[in-house]
N, C-alpha and C. Protein backbone atom coordinates (compact mmCIF):
# COMPACT_ATOMS: atom_id res chain seq x y z
N MET A 1 1.83 276.32 -157.73
CA MET A 1 2.29 276.86 -158.99
C MET A 1 3.55 277.70 -158.75
N GLU A 2 4.56 277.45 -159.57
CA GLU A 2 5.81 278.18 -159.43
C GLU A 2 5.72 279.50 -160.18
N ARG A 3 6.16 280.55 -159.56
CA ARG A 3 6.13 281.88 -160.16
C ARG A 3 7.28 282.03 -161.16
N ALA A 4 6.98 282.60 -162.30
CA ALA A 4 8.01 282.85 -163.31
C ALA A 4 8.93 283.96 -162.82
N GLY A 5 10.17 283.88 -163.21
CA GLY A 5 11.14 284.88 -162.80
C GLY A 5 11.02 286.18 -163.58
N ILE A 6 11.52 287.21 -163.01
CA ILE A 6 11.54 288.51 -163.66
C ILE A 6 12.67 288.55 -164.69
N TYR A 7 13.76 287.88 -164.37
CA TYR A 7 14.94 287.89 -165.25
C TYR A 7 15.03 286.58 -166.02
N PHE A 8 15.53 286.66 -167.25
CA PHE A 8 15.77 285.47 -168.07
C PHE A 8 16.92 285.77 -169.01
N TYR A 9 17.45 284.74 -169.64
CA TYR A 9 18.54 284.95 -170.59
C TYR A 9 18.10 284.49 -171.97
N MET A 10 18.79 285.02 -172.98
CA MET A 10 18.48 284.68 -174.35
C MET A 10 19.76 284.77 -175.18
N ARG A 11 19.88 283.88 -176.12
CA ARG A 11 21.05 283.89 -177.00
C ARG A 11 20.99 285.09 -177.93
N ARG A 12 22.13 285.76 -178.09
CA ARG A 12 22.27 286.88 -179.04
C ARG A 12 23.54 286.62 -179.82
N GLY A 13 23.42 286.00 -180.99
CA GLY A 13 24.60 285.62 -181.75
C GLY A 13 25.34 284.51 -181.04
N ARG A 14 26.60 284.74 -180.73
CA ARG A 14 27.42 283.75 -180.02
C ARG A 14 27.40 283.93 -178.51
N THR A 15 26.69 284.94 -178.03
CA THR A 15 26.69 285.25 -176.60
C THR A 15 25.28 285.14 -176.03
N PHE A 16 25.17 285.33 -174.72
CA PHE A 16 23.89 285.32 -174.01
C PHE A 16 23.76 286.63 -173.26
N ARG A 17 22.56 287.21 -173.30
CA ARG A 17 22.26 288.46 -172.59
C ARG A 17 21.19 288.20 -171.55
N ILE A 18 21.19 289.01 -170.49
CA ILE A 18 20.19 288.94 -169.43
C ILE A 18 19.13 289.98 -169.73
N TYR A 19 17.86 289.57 -169.64
CA TYR A 19 16.72 290.45 -169.90
C TYR A 19 15.82 290.50 -168.68
N ARG A 20 15.04 291.58 -168.59
CA ARG A 20 14.07 291.75 -167.51
C ARG A 20 12.69 291.91 -168.13
N ARG A 21 11.73 291.15 -167.59
CA ARG A 21 10.34 291.24 -168.05
C ARG A 21 9.68 292.49 -167.49
N HIS A 22 8.85 293.10 -168.33
CA HIS A 22 8.03 294.24 -167.91
C HIS A 22 6.60 293.91 -168.32
N ASP A 23 5.81 293.40 -167.38
CA ASP A 23 4.43 293.00 -167.67
C ASP A 23 3.51 294.20 -167.69
N ASN A 24 2.52 294.15 -168.58
CA ASN A 24 1.49 295.19 -168.62
C ASN A 24 0.58 295.05 -167.41
N GLU A 25 0.08 296.16 -166.91
CA GLU A 25 -0.79 296.16 -165.74
C GLU A 25 -2.11 295.44 -166.00
N ASP A 26 -2.59 295.45 -167.24
CA ASP A 26 -3.87 294.82 -167.54
C ASP A 26 -3.74 293.33 -167.84
N GLY A 27 -2.53 292.77 -167.72
CA GLY A 27 -2.33 291.34 -167.89
C GLY A 27 -2.32 290.87 -169.34
N THR A 28 -2.13 291.78 -170.28
CA THR A 28 -2.18 291.41 -171.69
C THR A 28 -0.80 291.09 -172.27
N GLY A 29 0.15 290.76 -171.45
CA GLY A 29 1.49 290.46 -171.93
C GLY A 29 2.47 291.47 -171.42
N GLY A 30 3.42 291.82 -172.24
CA GLY A 30 4.41 292.80 -171.82
C GLY A 30 5.59 292.83 -172.74
N THR A 31 6.66 293.40 -172.26
CA THR A 31 7.88 293.53 -173.05
C THR A 31 9.07 293.06 -172.22
N ALA A 32 10.21 293.01 -172.86
CA ALA A 32 11.45 292.67 -172.17
C ALA A 32 12.55 293.55 -172.72
N ALA A 33 13.49 293.90 -171.87
CA ALA A 33 14.61 294.73 -172.28
C ALA A 33 15.89 294.20 -171.65
N PRO A 34 17.02 294.34 -172.35
CA PRO A 34 18.30 293.93 -171.75
C PRO A 34 18.56 294.72 -170.47
N VAL A 35 19.16 294.07 -169.50
CA VAL A 35 19.47 294.71 -168.23
C VAL A 35 20.76 295.52 -168.40
N ALA A 36 20.67 296.82 -168.20
CA ALA A 36 21.84 297.69 -168.32
C ALA A 36 22.85 297.34 -167.24
N GLY A 37 24.09 297.28 -167.62
CA GLY A 37 25.15 297.01 -166.66
C GLY A 37 25.46 295.54 -166.46
N GLU A 38 24.65 294.65 -167.02
CA GLU A 38 24.93 293.22 -166.91
C GLU A 38 25.94 292.83 -167.98
N HIS A 39 26.80 291.91 -167.63
CA HIS A 39 27.82 291.43 -168.55
C HIS A 39 27.19 290.61 -169.68
N VAL A 40 27.91 290.47 -170.75
CA VAL A 40 27.57 289.54 -171.81
C VAL A 40 28.21 288.21 -171.43
N PHE A 41 27.46 287.13 -171.52
CA PHE A 41 27.97 285.82 -171.12
C PHE A 41 28.28 284.99 -172.36
N TYR A 42 29.37 284.23 -172.28
CA TYR A 42 29.81 283.43 -173.42
C TYR A 42 29.39 281.97 -173.31
N THR A 43 28.88 281.55 -172.14
CA THR A 43 28.35 280.20 -172.00
C THR A 43 26.93 280.27 -171.44
N GLN A 44 26.13 279.31 -171.84
CA GLN A 44 24.75 279.25 -171.37
C GLN A 44 24.70 279.02 -169.87
N GLN A 45 25.60 278.20 -169.35
CA GLN A 45 25.62 277.90 -167.92
C GLN A 45 25.89 279.16 -167.09
N ASP A 46 26.83 280.00 -167.52
CA ASP A 46 27.11 281.24 -166.80
C ASP A 46 25.89 282.17 -166.79
N ALA A 47 25.21 282.26 -167.93
CA ALA A 47 24.01 283.09 -168.01
C ALA A 47 22.91 282.52 -167.11
N ARG A 48 22.73 281.22 -167.11
CA ARG A 48 21.72 280.57 -166.27
C ARG A 48 22.01 280.82 -164.79
N ASP A 49 23.28 280.68 -164.40
CA ASP A 49 23.65 280.91 -163.00
C ASP A 49 23.33 282.34 -162.58
N ARG A 50 23.60 283.30 -163.45
CA ARG A 50 23.32 284.71 -163.11
C ARG A 50 21.82 284.97 -163.00
N VAL A 51 21.03 284.36 -163.87
CA VAL A 51 19.57 284.51 -163.81
C VAL A 51 19.04 283.93 -162.51
N TYR A 52 19.54 282.77 -162.10
CA TYR A 52 19.12 282.19 -160.82
C TYR A 52 19.44 283.14 -159.68
N GLU A 53 20.63 283.73 -159.71
CA GLU A 53 21.03 284.67 -158.66
C GLU A 53 20.12 285.90 -158.64
N LEU A 54 19.85 286.48 -159.80
CA LEU A 54 19.01 287.68 -159.87
C LEU A 54 17.58 287.40 -159.42
N ASN A 55 17.05 286.22 -159.75
CA ASN A 55 15.68 285.88 -159.37
C ASN A 55 15.56 285.36 -157.94
N GLY A 56 16.70 285.14 -157.27
CA GLY A 56 16.66 284.65 -155.90
C GLY A 56 16.34 283.17 -155.79
N TRP A 57 16.64 282.42 -156.84
CA TRP A 57 16.37 280.98 -156.86
C TRP A 57 17.62 280.23 -156.40
N ARG A 58 17.40 279.03 -155.90
CA ARG A 58 18.51 278.14 -155.56
C ARG A 58 18.89 277.36 -156.81
N PRO A 59 20.19 277.20 -157.04
CA PRO A 59 20.61 276.42 -158.22
C PRO A 59 20.16 274.97 -158.12
N LYS A 60 19.84 274.38 -159.27
CA LYS A 60 19.48 272.97 -159.30
C LYS A 60 20.74 272.15 -159.12
N LYS A 61 20.60 271.01 -158.44
CA LYS A 61 21.76 270.15 -158.20
C LYS A 61 21.94 269.16 -159.31
């Protein structure tokens, strides 16, 4: 089973923002918040590349 990443991106208007998951300790879900200091991305590919980098994943070929 592949582990889900801590970081993900989401469209916000015409741009994409990077978010970080904050899971509840009791396993009942959690919240997400924008990552402070991360750039706003104008293409989905740029946001995806940054999420892969933050999560320590290798890019798909």
